[in-house]
C-alpha atoms as a PDB file:
ATOM      1  CA  MET A   1       2.840   1.444 -18.492  1.00  0.00           C
ATOM      2  CA  LYS A   2       2.538   0.447 -14.880  1.00  0.00           C
ATOM      3  CA  VAL A   3       3.268  -3.010 -13.645  1.00  0.00           C
ATOM      4  CA  ILE A   4       1.927  -3.411 -10.142  1.00  0.00           C
ATOM      5  CA  MET A   5       3.331  -6.184  -7.968  1.00  0.00           C
ATOM      6  CA  ARG A   6       1.527  -5.990  -4.678  1.00  0.00           C
ATOM      7  CA  PHE A   7       0.614  -8.581  -2.101  1.00  0.00           C
ATOM      8  CA  LEU A   8      -1.219  -8.337   1.207  1.00  0.00           C
ATOM      9  CA  PHE A   9       1.799  -9.760   3.011  1.00  0.00           C
ATOM     10  CA  PRO A  10       4.849  -8.330   1.219  1.00  0.00           C
ATOM     11  CA  VAL A  11       8.274  -9.791   1.840  1.00  0.00           C
ATOM     12  CA  THR A  12      10.542  -7.352   3.635  1.00  0.00           C
ATOM     13  CA  LEU A  13      13.846  -6.076   2.357  1.00  0.00           C
ATOM     14  CA  GLY A  14      15.482  -9.217   3.655  1.00  0.00           C
ATOM     15  CA  SER A  15      16.256  -9.847   0.017  1.00  0.00           C
ATOM     16  CA  LEU A  16      18.769  -7.038   0.203  1.00  0.00           C
ATOM     17  CA  ALA A  17      20.498  -8.699   3.117  1.00  0.00           C
ATOM     18  CA  LEU A  18      21.142 -11.707   0.890  1.00  0.00           C
ATOM     19  CA  LEU A  19      23.385  -9.543  -1.249  1.00  0.00           C
ATOM     20  CA  SER A  20      26.070  -9.781   1.399  1.00  0.00           C
ATOM     21  CA  CYS A  21      26.611 -13.318   0.112  1.00  0.00           C
ATOM     22  CA  SER A  22      27.056 -12.121  -3.464  1.00  0.00           C
ATOM     23  CA  GLY A  23      29.631  -9.386  -3.157  1.00  0.00           C
ATOM     24  CA  GLN A  24      27.882  -6.368  -1.656  1.00  0.00           C
ATOM     25  CA  VAL A  25      29.812  -4.089   0.689  1.00  0.00           C
ATOM     26  CA  PRO A  26      28.220  -1.566   3.050  1.00  0.00           C
ATOM     27  CA  ALA A  27      26.625   1.419   1.343  1.00  0.00           C
ATOM     28  CA  GLY A  28      28.578   4.636   1.164  1.00  0.00           C
ATOM     29  CA  LYS A  29      27.879   8.080  -0.193  1.00  0.00           C
ATOM     30  CA  PRO A  30      27.987   9.110  -3.851  1.00  0.00           C
ATOM     31  CA  SER A  31      30.143  11.987  -5.017  1.00  0.00           C
ATOM     32  CA  THR A  32      28.860  15.420  -4.091  1.00  0.00           C
ATOM     33  CA  LEU A  33      28.556  16.041  -7.847  1.00  0.00           C
ATOM     34  CA  ASP A  34      26.140  13.127  -8.196  1.00  0.00           C
ATOM     35  CA  THR A  35      22.459  13.577  -7.503  1.00  0.00           C
ATOM     36  CA  TYR A  36      19.460  11.330  -7.968  1.00  0.00           C
ATOM     37  CA  SER A  37      18.332  13.424 -10.938  1.00  0.00           C
ATOM     38  CA  SER A  38      21.746  13.459 -12.624  1.00  0.00           C
ATOM     39  CA  VAL A  39      22.214   9.691 -12.300  1.00  0.00           C
ATOM     40  CA  VAL A  40      18.720   8.902 -13.600  1.00  0.00           C
ATOM     41  CA  LYS A  41      19.315  11.284 -16.522  1.00  0.00           C
ATOM     42  CA  ARG A  42      22.543   9.467 -17.435  1.00  0.00           C
ATOM     43  CA  VAL A  43      20.833   6.073 -17.178  1.00  0.00           C
ATOM     44  CA  ARG A  44      18.039   7.154 -19.505  1.00  0.00           C
ATOM     45  CA  GLU A  45      20.476   8.714 -21.986  1.00  0.00           C
ATOM     46  CA  THR A  46      22.616   5.569 -22.024  1.00  0.00           C
ATOM     47  CA  TYR A  47      19.725   3.314 -22.983  1.00  0.00           C
ATOM     48  CA  ALA A  48      18.097   5.853 -25.302  1.00  0.00           C
ATOM     49  CA  THR A  49      21.236   6.445 -27.397  1.00  0.00           C
ATOM     50  CA  CYS A  50      22.850   3.003 -27.517  1.00  0.00           C
ATOM     51  CA  LYS A  51      23.270   1.395 -30.927  1.00  0.00           C
ATOM     52  CA  SER A  52      22.595  -2.057 -29.502  1.00  0.00           C
ATOM     53  CA  TYR A  53      21.979  -3.724 -26.162  1.00  0.00           C
ATOM     54  CA  ARG A  54      21.986  -7.283 -24.887  1.00  0.00           C
ATOM     55  CA  ASP A  55      21.475  -8.917 -21.512  1.00  0.00           C
ATOM     56  CA  ARG A  56      20.940 -12.158 -19.661  1.00  0.00           C
ATOM     57  CA  ALA A  57      19.115 -12.054 -16.355  1.00  0.00           C
ATOM     58  CA  THR A  58      17.799 -14.212 -13.536  1.00  0.00           C
ATOM     59  CA  PHE A  59      14.736 -13.369 -11.503  1.00  0.00           C
ATOM     60  CA  THR A  60      13.087 -14.661  -8.342  1.00  0.00           C
ATOM     61  CA  TRP A  61       9.574 -14.012  -7.140  1.00  0.00           C
ATOM     62  CA  PHE A  62       8.993 -14.584  -3.447  1.00  0.00           C
ATOM     63  CA  LEU A  63       5.179 -14.731  -3.450  1.00  0.00           C
ATOM     64  CA  PRO A  64       4.380 -17.139  -5.001  1.00  0.00           C
ATOM     65  CA  PRO A  65       7.840 -18.758  -5.223  1.00  0.00           C
ATOM     66  CA  ARG A  66       8.986 -18.654  -8.819  1.00  0.00           C
ATOM     67  CA  GLN A  67      12.335 -18.504 -10.591  1.00  0.00           C
ATOM     68  CA  GLY A  68      13.434 -18.023 -14.142  1.00  0.00           C
ATOM     69  CA  THR A  69      15.691 -16.274 -16.601  1.00  0.00           C
ATOM     70  CA  PHE A  70      15.194 -13.814 -19.404  1.00  0.00           C
ATOM     71  CA  ALA A  71      17.260 -12.326 -22.200  1.00  0.00           C
ATOM     72  CA  THR A  72      16.955  -9.100 -24.165  1.00  0.00           C
ATOM     73  CA  ALA A  73      18.467  -8.273 -27.553  1.00  0.00           C
ATOM     74  CA  PHE A  74      18.021  -4.870 -29.168  1.00  0.00           C
ATOM     75  CA  GLN A  75      19.366  -3.217 -32.312  1.00  0.00           C
ATOM     76  CA  ARG A  76      18.401   0.350 -33.135  1.00  0.00           C
ATOM     77  CA  GLU A  77      19.057   0.481 -36.898  1.00  0.00           C
ATOM     78  CA  PRO A  78      17.307  -1.325 -38.416  1.00  0.00           C
ATOM     79  CA  ARG A  79      14.981  -1.609 -35.433  1.00  0.00           C
ATOM     80  CA  LEU A  80      15.036  -5.161 -34.085  1.00  0.00           C
ATOM     81  CA  PHE A  81      13.994  -6.350 -30.650  1.00  0.00           C
ATOM     82  CA  ARG A  82      13.823  -9.760 -29.045  1.00  0.00           C
ATOM     83  CA  PHE A  83      12.833 -10.810 -25.559  1.00  0.00           C
ATOM     84  CA  ASP A  84      13.070 -14.413 -24.326  1.00  0.00           C
ATOM     85  CA  ASN A  85      11.717 -15.704 -21.045  1.00  0.00           C
ATOM     86  CA  TRP A  86      12.238 -19.109 -19.419  1.00  0.00           C
ATOM     87  CA  TYR A  87      10.541 -19.971 -16.153  1.00  0.00           C
ATOM     88  CA  ARG A  88       9.112 -22.784 -14.065  1.00  0.00           C
ATOM     89  CA  LEU A  89       5.946 -22.702 -12.030  1.00  0.00           C
ATOM     90  CA  TYR A  90       4.468 -25.892 -10.626  1.00  0.00           C
ATOM     91  CA  SER A  91       5.599 -28.514 -13.115  1.00  0.00           C
ATOM     92  CA  PRO A  92       9.107 -29.749 -13.905  1.00  0.00           C
ATOM     93  CA  GLU A  93       8.669 -28.709 -17.515  1.00  0.00           C
ATOM     94  CA  GLU A  94      10.402 -25.500 -18.538  1.00  0.00           C
ATOM     95  CA  ASP A  95       8.252 -22.968 -20.339  1.00  0.00           C
ATOM     96  CA  HIS A  96       9.721 -20.635 -22.934  1.00  0.00           C
ATOM     97  CA  ASP A  97       7.904 -17.570 -24.228  1.00  0.00           C
ATOM     98  CA  PHE A  98       9.384 -14.935 -26.477  1.00  0.00           C
ATOM     99  CA  ILE A  99       8.608 -11.828 -28.479  1.00  0.00           C
ATOM    100  CA  LEU A 100      10.295 -10.928 -31.742  1.00  0.00           C
ATOM    101  CA  SER A 101       9.685  -7.398 -32.995  1.00  0.00           C
ATOM    102  CA  VAL A 102      10.888  -5.902 -36.274  1.00  0.00           C
ATOM    103  CA  SER A 103      10.589  -2.199 -37.109  1.00  0.00           C
ATOM    104  CA  GLY A 104       7.994  -1.641 -34.426  1.00  0.00           C
ATOM    105  CA  LYS A 105       5.756  -4.518 -35.548  1.00  0.00           C
ATOM    106  CA  THR A 106       5.348  -7.736 -33.623  1.00  0.00           C
ATOM    107  CA  ASN A 107       6.719 -10.337 -36.008  1.00  0.00           C
ATOM    108  CA  PHE A 108       6.190 -13.303 -33.711  1.00  0.00           C
ATOM    109  CA  TYR A 109       5.026 -13.949 -30.197  1.00  0.00           C
ATOM    110  CA  LYS A 110       4.754 -17.328 -28.501  1.00  0.00           C
ATOM    111  CA  GLY A 111       2.572 -17.108 -25.439  1.00  0.00           C
ATOM    112  CA  ASP A 112      -0.964 -16.609 -24.249  1.00  0.00           C
ATOM    113  CA  SER A 113      -3.965 -14.804 -25.715  1.00  0.00           C
ATOM    114  CA  SER A 114      -1.854 -11.684 -26.286  1.00  0.00           C
ATOM    115  CA  ALA A 115      -0.459 -13.308 -29.452  1.00  0.00           C
ATOM    116  CA  GLY A 116      -0.886 -11.225 -32.560  1.00  0.00           C
ATOM    117  CA  ARG A 117      -0.874  -7.835 -30.926  1.00  0.00           C
ATOM    118  CA  PRO A 118      -0.079  -5.343 -33.661  1.00  0.00           C
ATOM    119  CA  ASN A 119       2.797  -3.241 -32.386  1.00  0.00           C
ATOM    120  CA  GLU A 120       5.934  -3.146 -30.302  1.00  0.00           C
ATOM    121  CA  ALA A 121       4.449  -1.143 -27.451  1.00  0.00           C
ATOM    122  CA  SER A 122       1.557  -3.487 -26.753  1.00  0.00           C
ATOM    123  CA  ALA A 123       3.640  -6.630 -27.254  1.00  0.00           C
ATOM    124  CA  ILE A 124       6.263  -5.506 -24.779  1.00  0.00           C
ATOM    125  CA  GLY A 125       3.448  -4.754 -22.381  1.00  0.00           C
ATOM    126  CA  ILE A 126       3.219  -8.469 -21.606  1.00  0.00           C
ATOM    127  CA  VAL A 127       6.865  -8.677 -20.516  1.00  0.00           C
ATOM    128  CA  GLY A 128       6.457  -7.140 -17.067  1.00  0.00           C
ATOM    129  CA  PRO A 129       3.839  -9.563 -15.708  1.00  0.00           C
ATOM    130  CA  THR A 130       5.938 -12.413 -17.104  1.00  0.00           C
ATOM    131  CA  THR A 131       9.191 -11.623 -15.332  1.00  0.00           C
ATOM    132  CA  GLY A 132       8.601  -9.059 -12.651  1.00  0.00           C
ATOM    133  CA  PHE A 133       8.793  -5.313 -13.172  1.00  0.00           C
ATOM    134  CA  PHE A 134      12.325  -5.163 -14.509  1.00  0.00           C
ATOM    135  CA  GLY A 135      11.344  -7.024 -17.648  1.00  0.00           C
ATOM    136  CA  SER A 136       9.224  -4.075 -18.684  1.00  0.00           C
ATOM    137  CA  SER A 137      11.588  -1.307 -17.636  1.00  0.00           C
ATOM    138  CA  ILE A 138      14.352  -2.322 -20.056  1.00  0.00           C
ATOM    139  CA  PRO A 139      12.123  -1.825 -23.117  1.00  0.00           C
ATOM    140  CA  GLU A 140      10.944   1.469 -21.647  1.00  0.00           C
ATOM    141  CA  LEU A 141      14.542   2.665 -21.496  1.00  0.00           C
ATOM    142  CA  LEU A 142      15.544   1.271 -24.886  1.00  0.00           C
ATOM    143  CA  LEU A 143      12.503   2.555 -26.744  1.00  0.00           C
ATOM    144  CA  PRO A 144      11.883   6.121 -25.557  1.00  0.00           C
ATOM    145  CA  ASP A 145       9.929   6.929 -28.708  1.00  0.00           C
ATOM    146  CA  VAL A 146       7.420   4.257 -27.694  1.00  0.00           C
ATOM    147  CA  PHE A 147       7.430   4.776 -23.940  1.00  0.00           C
ATOM    148  CA  LYS A 148       7.579   8.475 -23.178  1.00  0.00           C
ATOM    149  CA  LYS A 149       7.297   8.251 -19.417  1.00  0.00           C
ATOM    150  CA  ASP A 150      10.334   7.858 -17.219  1.00  0.00           C
ATOM    151  CA  PRO A 151      10.108   4.420 -15.538  1.00  0.00           C
ATOM    152  CA  PHE A 152      11.713   5.975 -12.473  1.00  0.00           C
ATOM    153  CA  ALA A 153       8.746   8.325 -12.202  1.00  0.00           C
ATOM    154  CA  TYR A 154       6.958   5.659 -10.155  1.00  0.00           C
ATOM    155  CA  LEU A 155       9.433   6.133  -7.293  1.00  0.00           C
ATOM    156  CA  GLN A 156       8.496   8.225  -4.284  1.00  0.00           C
ATOM    157  CA  LYS A 157      10.995   9.624  -1.790  1.00  0.00           C
ATOM    158  CA  PRO A 158      13.999   8.576  -3.915  1.00  0.00           C
ATOM    159  CA  THR A 159      17.465   8.520  -2.382  1.00  0.00           C
ATOM    160  CA  LEU A 160      20.917   7.945  -3.877  1.00  0.00           C
ATOM    161  CA  ASP A 161      23.661   5.913  -2.213  1.00  0.00           C
ATOM    162  CA  ALA A 162      26.839   4.232  -3.423  1.00  0.00           C
ATOM    163  CA  SER A 163      28.134   0.720  -2.864  1.00  0.00           C
ATOM    164  CA  VAL A 164      29.948  -2.191  -4.508  1.00  0.00           C
ATOM    165  CA  LEU A 165      28.181  -5.240  -5.927  1.00  0.00           C
ATOM    166  CA  ILE A 166      30.181  -8.215  -7.194  1.00  0.00           C
ATOM    167  CA  GLY A 167      33.268  -6.051  -7.640  1.00  0.00           C
ATOM    168  CA  GLU A 168      31.436  -3.255  -9.462  1.00  0.00           C
ATOM    169  CA  ASP A 169      31.121   0.299  -8.135  1.00  0.00           C
ATOM    170  CA  CYS A 170      27.436   1.144  -8.191  1.00  0.00           C
ATOM    171  CA  TYR A 171      24.897   3.806  -7.436  1.00  0.00           C
ATOM    172  CA  ILE A 172      21.890   2.576  -5.487  1.00  0.00           C
ATOM    173  CA  ILE A 173      18.610   4.329  -6.188  1.00  0.00           C
ATOM    174  CA  LYS A 174      16.092   3.581  -3.454  1.00  0.00           C
ATOM    175  CA  GLY A 175      12.491   4.588  -3.070  1.00  0.00           C
ATOM    176  CA  GLU A 176       8.911   3.449  -2.748  1.00  0.00           C
ATOM    177  CA  GLN A 177       6.484   2.704  -5.544  1.00  0.00           C
ATOM    178  CA  GLU A 178       3.773   5.312  -5.748  1.00  0.00           C
ATOM    179  CA  GLU A 179       0.409   4.262  -4.355  1.00  0.00           C
ATOM    180  CA  ILE A 180      -1.707   3.544  -7.433  1.00  0.00           C
ATOM    181  CA  VAL A 181      -4.911   2.738  -5.553  1.00  0.00           C
ATOM    182  CA  LYS A 182      -5.325   4.475  -2.223  1.00  0.00           C
ATOM    183  CA  ASP A 183      -5.106   2.152   0.791  1.00  0.00           C
ATOM    184  CA  SER A 184      -4.884  -0.926  -1.465  1.00  0.00           C
ATOM    185  CA  ALA A 185      -1.543  -2.195  -0.128  1.00  0.00           C
ATOM    186  CA  PRO A 186       1.637  -0.860   1.465  1.00  0.00           C
ATOM    187  CA  PRO A 187       3.964   0.830  -1.063  1.00  0.00           C
ATOM    188  CA  GLU A 188       6.612  -1.540  -2.373  1.00  0.00           C
ATOM    189  CA  THR A 189      10.234  -0.629  -1.676  1.00  0.00           C
ATOM    190  CA  TRP A 190      12.687  -0.608  -4.586  1.00  0.00           C
ATOM    191  CA  ALA A 191      16.488  -0.671  -4.770  1.00  0.00           C
ATOM    192  CA  ILE A 192      17.959  -0.156  -8.248  1.00  0.00           C
ATOM    193  CA  TRP A 193      21.676  -0.877  -8.719  1.00  0.00           C
ATOM    194  CA  VAL A 194      23.328   1.189 -11.473  1.00  0.00           C
ATOM    195  CA  ARG A 195      26.866   0.307 -12.571  1.00  0.00           C
ATOM    196  CA  LYS A 196      28.968   3.465 -12.425  1.00  0.00           C
ATOM    197  CA  ARG A 197      31.282   2.715 -15.330  1.00  0.00           C
ATOM    198  CA  ASP A 198      28.536   2.608 -17.948  1.00  0.00           C
ATOM    199  CA  TYR A 199      25.243   3.575 -16.217  1.00  0.00           C
ATOM    200  CA  LEU A 200      23.637   0.211 -16.912  1.00  0.00           C
ATOM    201  CA  ILE A 201      21.264  -1.377 -14.413  1.00  0.00           C
ATOM    202  CA  ILE A 202      22.633  -4.642 -13.022  1.00  0.00           C
ATOM    203  CA  ARG A 203      20.205  -5.446 -10.216  1.00  0.00           C
ATOM    204  CA  MET A 204      16.767  -4.493  -8.947  1.00  0.00           C
ATOM    205  CA  ASP A 205      15.357  -5.558  -5.584  1.00  0.00           C
ATOM    206  CA  PHE A 206      11.721  -5.277  -4.575  1.00  0.00           C
ATOM    207  CA  ASP A 207       9.743  -6.523  -1.597  1.00  0.00           C
ATOM    208  CA  THR A 208       8.234  -9.250  -3.762  1.00  0.00           C
ATOM    209  CA  SER A 209      10.986 -10.050  -6.273  1.00  0.00           C
ATOM    210  CA  SER A 210      14.638  -9.660  -7.170  1.00  0.00           C
ATOM    211  CA  VAL A 211      16.358  -9.475 -10.566  1.00  0.00           C
ATOM    212  CA  THR A 212      20.061  -9.714 -11.433  1.00  0.00           C
ATOM    213  CA  ILE A 213      21.129  -8.610 -14.922  1.00  0.00           C
ATOM    214  CA  ARG A 214      24.315  -9.098 -16.951  1.00  0.00           C
ATOM    215  CA  PRO A 215      24.080  -6.301 -19.551  1.00  0.00           C
ATOM    216  CA  GLU A 216      26.202  -5.452 -22.590  1.00  0.00           C
ATOM    217  CA  LEU A 217      26.261  -2.012 -24.191  1.00  0.00           C
ATOM    218  CA  ASN A 218      26.666  -1.724 -27.978  1.00  0.00           C
ATOM    219  CA  PRO A 219      27.583  -5.373 -28.607  1.00  0.00           C
ATOM    220  CA  ALA A 220      27.745  -6.886 -32.078  1.00  0.00           C
ATOM    221  CA  ILE A 221      24.634  -9.077 -32.320  1.00  0.00           C
ATOM    222  CA  ASP A 222      24.396 -11.840 -34.911  1.00  0.00           C
ATOM    223  CA  SER A 223      21.377 -11.323 -37.150  1.00  0.00           C
ATOM    224  CA  LYS A 224      20.210 -14.892 -36.537  1.00  0.00           C
ATOM    225  CA  VAL A 225      19.332 -13.889 -32.966  1.00  0.00           C
ATOM    226  CA  PHE A 226      16.400 -12.000 -34.450  1.00  0.00           C
ATOM    227  CA  SER A 227      15.080 -15.094 -36.216  1.00  0.00           C
ATOM    228  CA  ARG A 228      12.109 -17.232 -35.268  1.00  0.00           C
ATOM    229  CA  ASP A 229      14.314 -20.283 -35.694  1.00  0.00           C
ATOM    230  CA  ASP A 230      16.772 -19.193 -33.015  1.00  0.00           C
ATOM    231  CA  ASP A 231      15.926 -20.550 -29.565  1.00  0.00           C
ATOM    232  CA  GLY A 232      17.339 -17.458 -27.833  1.00  0.00           C
ATOM    233  CA  ARG A 233      19.996 -19.267 -25.811  1.00  0.00           C
END
């Protein structure tokens, strides 16, 4: 699944400079034992083997200006997945869309014409355009039996650095999105922040958007979270 966020006039990596206001320190070098491949492998294994996962996140699109939040809840056995998205466009009203998936079947989806799609893979396919790319990469990592392809496979010329973000030691995976359509637009630059202590992704910066995530690994999740009657907050 490829979510393409391209604009004729992409915002530069000035978004990364803003991190200096939120706890970033200058980038350093990772351990000589760490490589891009080894870090990505650990990230994928962490998401693919977790018993449960939960997050809250904020996202900003730069073109057009748009802000919002999303939340993910996942339980492996029995398979339960929920994704909630709150955002504002041009009206003061807050929109709330969500997907509730049980055992690989879309149990409920509030949203546009995609409602009623029959399975987890296609339902989650609407998450990326809703939130920015990161919204789709979390399900890819959590559900490797549904999404076989490595979401990092879209990165060209990847590099690995180390830094600190909001008091957390992190790896920074940087690269450019592969050119899907030749000469269609300049490749978008990515910076993916991976928390060293648990290999969870806590921030992703793109030319056109930025996402900050507060993840939990293997939390106890109340069963009511996976109910239609729960508002996801």
